[in-house]
Amino acid sequence: MTHRALQISAQLTAALSENIREGRLVPPLPPGPRDGLAALSCWQHAGRPVERTASELMGSEAGSERCFYCGAGCAESHPAAQHRSDTFIGWSDVAFPASGYVCAGCVRATDESDRSRRPRMFSWLITRHDAIAMHKGQLDQIATWCLAPPAPPFAIVAAVGGQKHLIFRAPVNHSREVITVQFELERVTYRPPELAARLDLCKRLAAASGKPALVERPTPQFASRLGKYWADFEPLLIWSHVWSEPLSRLAAWLCPKQEICSNEYPSDITIPAADAIAGRVVRRRRVAAQARGPDGPGLFNPD
């Protein structure tokens, strides 16, 4: 970049930051994979607080220490030894293992005092103003979070197993154009239209074969069930190329049960009348044989 281009860029950034400070403008979100970073840079230049982890959204605090779990700045109010178990082994998972303190947000995020409401057992939508928890039976609401989140900053945590603390790992999104979800131990980054298309594909497949089939490589049995449900094999061809992608794993988890999917996407295969009649005749004879009725041995004769 030339010296003149650098000058123009600096002038634009300064003007933009002044507008943000005065409340005349929110950070722009230009298209591209670095949307979140662009917004983050604008907030920083404007002097606004910038949260980087979900724990900071739940309760940031000023201080010279670093949080044991998320690495954010914190005070000396909460000793780490009081907020981790004696059998703690996840030293490689925390951001600042050398720290002796935990931030206020991570205190809330790792609280195990109420055994019926342990944070790790739920999925979360976290903003500066609220932290909403949903259990695994509320996948439709969690999918709504992922497809149409609130205004940034926000963080989304999708808990599959409920065995690990995930909130302190979750990144904060500063854009609704490109979103990163903490999906169990992996981060899945996507644009909402991409997730919507992938979720739609999963629903079509689950309608024919059930949701469990989406978690493994496509099999001949899977293809056979799809062939009996859909006239077009295009969904299977697409899925065979994308089933192992992180976005596909997230979409498969968000996908509803087979009954719901089949109601939304009914089969497009019609059985010819002759085949239907033949099927009824075969079923009638099988039942009759078992009951020793008409067309079966004995014709109601117990002998």
Foldseek 3Di string as FASTA:
>chain_A
DDPVVVVVVVVVLLVLLVCVLVVNDQQDQDDDPCRQVSNQSSCVSNVHDDDWFLLVLQPNDADDFAAFAQRDHAHAPAFVVVQDDPPDDVNVRGDHNVTGGHHPSVSVLQDCPPVVPGNLQFKWKGGSVDIDTDHLVPLVVLLCCLQPNDADFIATEAHDPSPDRQRSVITTGNDQQWDWHRDPPDIDIDGNVVLVVLLLLLLLLCLQPWLVCLQDQDDPVSQVSNVVFEVDCVSVVVCNVPSPPPSNVVSSSSHDTNVVSCVVPPGPDDDDPVVVVVVVVVVVCVVCQVVVDPNHPCNPPPD
